[in-house]
Amino acid sequence: MAKKRVFISFDYDHDETLKTFLIGQAKLPDSPFELADWSIKEHMTGNWKEKARARIRSVDVVIVLCGLNTNTAAGVSAELAIARDEAIPYFLLSGYKDRTNIKPTAALTTDKMYKWTWDNLKILIDGGR
């Protein structure tokens, strides 16, 4: 079975550590996914949204890492909206175990935030949501 290609959307200012943890899980031998690590590290000017759109179009699923300040991360909301516009499946992943993680402002009220465990992640990557 081919690994699914994943785009990670995260709050670059606050949650880069979460992304690092997810990268580590992608390297595990039984990982069902590989990362398309195209995080946009530039200020949100010019055509960054079109660059994000091109990157998101080329993946199988978008993981939105939700942290304590995700609602203030305009880029995360924009990437989530792009995923929805492009009909790319996505899911929200709770970044911190014992804290109140916040959805991005572009999240739908019906978007569930899933607990981040290895078993859950494999199920979610495979479409179980």
C-alpha atoms as a PDB file:
ATOM      1  CA  MET A   1       0.000   0.000   0.000  1.00  0.00           C
ATOM      2  CA  ALA A   2       1.373   3.402  -0.982  1.00  0.00           C
ATOM      3  CA  LYS A   3       1.910   5.920   1.754  1.00  0.00           C
ATOM      4  CA  LYS A   4      -0.419   8.891   1.801  1.00  0.00           C
ATOM      5  CA  ARG A   5       1.134  12.282   1.147  1.00  0.00           C
ATOM      6  CA  VAL A   6       0.356  14.747   3.922  1.00  0.00           C
ATOM      7  CA  PHE A   7       0.485  18.535   4.174  1.00  0.00           C
ATOM      8  CA  ILE A   8       0.830  19.859   7.719  1.00  0.00           C
ATOM      9  CA  SER A   9      -0.839  23.132   8.623  1.00  0.00           C
ATOM     10  CA  PHE A  10       0.350  24.554  11.933  1.00  0.00           C
ATOM     11  CA  ASP A  11       0.948  27.809  13.796  1.00  0.00           C
ATOM     12  CA  TYR A  12       4.536  28.547  12.805  1.00  0.00           C
ATOM     13  CA  ASP A  13       4.972  31.071  15.628  1.00  0.00           C
ATOM     14  CA  HIS A  14       3.861  28.762  18.437  1.00  0.00           C
ATOM     15  CA  ASP A  15       3.692  25.112  17.395  1.00  0.00           C
ATOM     16  CA  GLU A  16       6.763  24.213  15.367  1.00  0.00           C
ATOM     17  CA  THR A  17       7.594  21.563  17.991  1.00  0.00           C
ATOM     18  CA  LEU A  18       4.324  19.792  17.172  1.00  0.00           C
ATOM     19  CA  LYS A  19       5.354  19.650  13.536  1.00  0.00           C
ATOM     20  CA  THR A  20       8.708  18.164  14.570  1.00  0.00           C
ATOM     21  CA  PHE A  21       6.908  15.418  16.517  1.00  0.00           C
ATOM     22  CA  LEU A  22       4.729  14.610  13.495  1.00  0.00           C
ATOM     23  CA  ILE A  23       7.818  14.441  11.272  1.00  0.00           C
ATOM     24  CA  GLY A  24       9.251  11.898  13.697  1.00  0.00           C
ATOM     25  CA  GLN A  25       6.129   9.757  13.465  1.00  0.00           C
ATOM     26  CA  ALA A  26       6.251   9.876   9.667  1.00  0.00           C
ATOM     27  CA  LYS A  27       9.677   8.214   9.860  1.00  0.00           C
ATOM     28  CA  LEU A  28       8.446   5.217  11.861  1.00  0.00           C
ATOM     29  CA  PRO A  29       8.592   1.909   9.947  1.00  0.00           C
ATOM     30  CA  ASP A  30       4.824   1.370  10.171  1.00  0.00           C
ATOM     31  CA  SER A  31       3.907   4.930   9.222  1.00  0.00           C
ATOM     32  CA  PRO A  32       1.102   5.073   6.642  1.00  0.00           C
ATOM     33  CA  PHE A  33       2.108   8.555   5.526  1.00  0.00           C
ATOM     34  CA  GLU A  34       4.932  10.700   4.255  1.00  0.00           C
ATOM     35  CA  LEU A  35       5.173  14.411   4.682  1.00  0.00           C
ATOM     36  CA  ALA A  36       5.145  16.855   1.885  1.00  0.00           C
ATOM     37  CA  ASP A  37       7.091  19.319   4.043  1.00  0.00           C
ATOM     38  CA  TRP A  38       6.373  22.503   2.211  1.00  0.00           C
ATOM     39  CA  SER A  39       5.729  24.763   5.140  1.00  0.00           C
ATOM     40  CA  ILE A  40       5.561  28.310   3.964  1.00  0.00           C
ATOM     41  CA  LYS A  41       8.131  30.205   5.983  1.00  0.00           C
ATOM     42  CA  GLU A  42       7.646  33.607   4.455  1.00  0.00           C
ATOM     43  CA  HIS A  43       5.433  36.476   5.450  1.00  0.00           C
ATOM     44  CA  MET A  44       1.924  36.317   4.100  1.00  0.00           C
ATOM     45  CA  THR A  45       2.461  38.676   1.193  1.00  0.00           C
ATOM     46  CA  GLY A  46       2.354  38.338  -2.543  1.00  0.00           C
ATOM     47  CA  ASN A  47       1.173  35.022  -3.900  1.00  0.00           C
ATOM     48  CA  TRP A  48       1.798  32.822  -0.836  1.00  0.00           C
ATOM     49  CA  LYS A  49      -1.792  31.556  -0.992  1.00  0.00           C
ATOM     50  CA  GLU A  50      -1.319  30.347  -4.563  1.00  0.00           C
ATOM     51  CA  LYS A  51       1.895  28.599  -3.516  1.00  0.00           C
ATOM     52  CA  ALA A  52      -0.010  26.951  -0.662  1.00  0.00           C
ATOM     53  CA  ARG A  53      -2.837  25.991  -3.018  1.00  0.00           C
ATOM     54  CA  ALA A  54      -0.404  24.251  -5.391  1.00  0.00           C
ATOM     55  CA  ARG A  55       1.182  22.362  -2.503  1.00  0.00           C
ATOM     56  CA  ILE A  56      -2.148  21.353  -0.982  1.00  0.00           C
ATOM     57  CA  ARG A  57      -3.451  20.131  -4.355  1.00  0.00           C
ATOM     58  CA  SER A  58      -0.580  17.650  -4.546  1.00  0.00           C
ATOM     59  CA  VAL A  59      -1.338  15.791  -1.293  1.00  0.00           C
ATOM     60  CA  ASP A  60      -3.842  13.179  -0.186  1.00  0.00           C
ATOM     61  CA  VAL A  61      -4.729  14.735   3.174  1.00  0.00           C
ATOM     62  CA  VAL A  62      -4.116  17.874   5.234  1.00  0.00           C
ATOM     63  CA  ILE A  63      -3.414  17.621   8.953  1.00  0.00           C
ATOM     64  CA  VAL A  64      -4.245  20.763  10.898  1.00  0.00           C
ATOM     65  CA  LEU A  65      -2.235  20.758  14.118  1.00  0.00           C
ATOM     66  CA  CYS A  66      -4.241  22.631  16.731  1.00  0.00           C
ATOM     67  CA  GLY A  67      -2.420  24.319  19.575  1.00  0.00           C
ATOM     68  CA  LEU A  68      -3.161  26.969  22.154  1.00  0.00           C
ATOM     69  CA  ASN A  69      -3.188  29.903  19.702  1.00  0.00           C
ATOM     70  CA  THR A  70      -4.318  28.354  16.438  1.00  0.00           C
ATOM     71  CA  ASN A  71      -7.252  30.749  16.255  1.00  0.00           C
ATOM     72  CA  THR A  72      -4.770  33.636  15.823  1.00  0.00           C
ATOM     73  CA  ALA A  73      -2.813  31.950  13.020  1.00  0.00           C
ATOM     74  CA  ALA A  74      -4.233  33.467   9.835  1.00  0.00           C
ATOM     75  CA  GLY A  75      -2.108  31.168   7.669  1.00  0.00           C
ATOM     76  CA  VAL A  76      -3.592  28.036   9.225  1.00  0.00           C
ATOM     77  CA  SER A  77      -7.114  29.271   8.544  1.00  0.00           C
ATOM     78  CA  ALA A  78      -6.187  30.159   4.969  1.00  0.00           C
ATOM     79  CA  GLU A  79      -4.643  26.711   4.373  1.00  0.00           C
ATOM     80  CA  LEU A  80      -7.714  25.017   5.841  1.00  0.00           C
ATOM     81  CA  ALA A  81      -9.981  27.062   3.564  1.00  0.00           C
ATOM     82  CA  ILE A  82      -7.822  26.120   0.568  1.00  0.00           C
ATOM     83  CA  ALA A  83      -8.029  22.424   1.454  1.00  0.00           C
ATOM     84  CA  ARG A  84     -11.814  22.704   1.623  1.00  0.00           C
ATOM     85  CA  ASP A  85     -11.941  24.658  -1.682  1.00  0.00           C
ATOM     86  CA  GLU A  86      -9.806  22.002  -3.363  1.00  0.00           C
ATOM     87  CA  ALA A  87     -11.815  19.120  -1.832  1.00  0.00           C
ATOM     88  CA  ILE A  88      -8.707  17.728  -0.142  1.00  0.00           C
ATOM     89  CA  PRO A  89      -9.634  15.728   2.968  1.00  0.00           C
ATOM     90  CA  TYR A  90      -8.420  17.229   6.226  1.00  0.00           C
ATOM     91  CA  PHE A  91      -8.687  16.699   9.936  1.00  0.00           C
ATOM     92  CA  LEU A  92      -7.907  18.665  13.077  1.00  0.00           C
ATOM     93  CA  LEU A  93      -5.417  17.079  15.457  1.00  0.00           C
ATOM     94  CA  SER A  94      -5.202  18.114  19.100  1.00  0.00           C
ATOM     95  CA  GLY A  95      -1.585  19.145  19.616  1.00  0.00           C
ATOM     96  CA  TYR A  96      -1.269  19.201  23.381  1.00  0.00           C
ATOM     97  CA  LYS A  97      -2.534  16.356  25.525  1.00  0.00           C
ATOM     98  CA  ASP A  98      -3.597  18.144  28.700  1.00  0.00           C
ATOM     99  CA  ARG A  99      -4.379  21.633  27.432  1.00  0.00           C
ATOM    100  CA  THR A 100      -7.213  23.394  25.701  1.00  0.00           C
ATOM    101  CA  ASN A 101      -6.328  23.323  22.015  1.00  0.00           C
ATOM    102  CA  ILE A 102      -8.160  25.808  19.828  1.00  0.00           C
ATOM    103  CA  LYS A 103      -9.522  25.307  16.328  1.00  0.00           C
ATOM    104  CA  PRO A 104      -8.514  27.718  13.558  1.00  0.00           C
ATOM    105  CA  THR A 105     -11.109  30.365  12.800  1.00  0.00           C
ATOM    106  CA  ALA A 106     -11.805  28.785   9.395  1.00  0.00           C
ATOM    107  CA  ALA A 107     -12.789  25.469  10.977  1.00  0.00           C
ATOM    108  CA  LEU A 108     -16.394  24.476  10.645  1.00  0.00           C
ATOM    109  CA  THR A 109     -18.432  23.975  13.795  1.00  0.00           C
ATOM    110  CA  THR A 110     -18.830  20.368  12.658  1.00  0.00           C
ATOM    111  CA  ASP A 111     -15.051  19.823  12.396  1.00  0.00           C
ATOM    112  CA  LYS A 112     -14.048  17.489  15.198  1.00  0.00           C
ATOM    113  CA  MET A 113     -10.667  17.825  16.864  1.00  0.00           C
ATOM    114  CA  TYR A 114      -9.145  14.371  17.279  1.00  0.00           C
ATOM    115  CA  LYS A 115      -6.902  13.134  20.063  1.00  0.00           C
ATOM    116  CA  TRP A 116      -3.312  12.669  18.926  1.00  0.00           C
ATOM    117  CA  THR A 117      -2.296   9.077  19.498  1.00  0.00           C
ATOM    118  CA  TRP A 118      -0.350   6.880  17.102  1.00  0.00           C
ATOM    119  CA  ASP A 119      -3.319   4.544  16.625  1.00  0.00           C
ATOM    120  CA  ASN A 120      -5.723   7.446  16.027  1.00  0.00           C
ATOM    121  CA  LEU A 121      -3.335   9.089  13.599  1.00  0.00           C
ATOM    122  CA  LYS A 122      -3.067   5.940  11.479  1.00  0.00           C
ATOM    123  CA  ILE A 123      -6.865   5.606  11.401  1.00  0.00           C
ATOM    124  CA  LEU A 124      -7.341   9.289  10.507  1.00  0.00           C
ATOM    125  CA  ILE A 125      -4.725   9.169   7.735  1.00  0.00           C
ATOM    126  CA  ASP A 126      -6.585   6.190   6.297  1.00  0.00           C
ATOM    127  CA  GLY A 127      -9.843   8.177   6.187  1.00  0.00           C
ATOM    128  CA  GLY A 128     -11.463   6.999   9.416  1.00  0.00           C
ATOM    129  CA  ARG A 129     -13.238  10.141  10.531  1.00  0.00           C
END
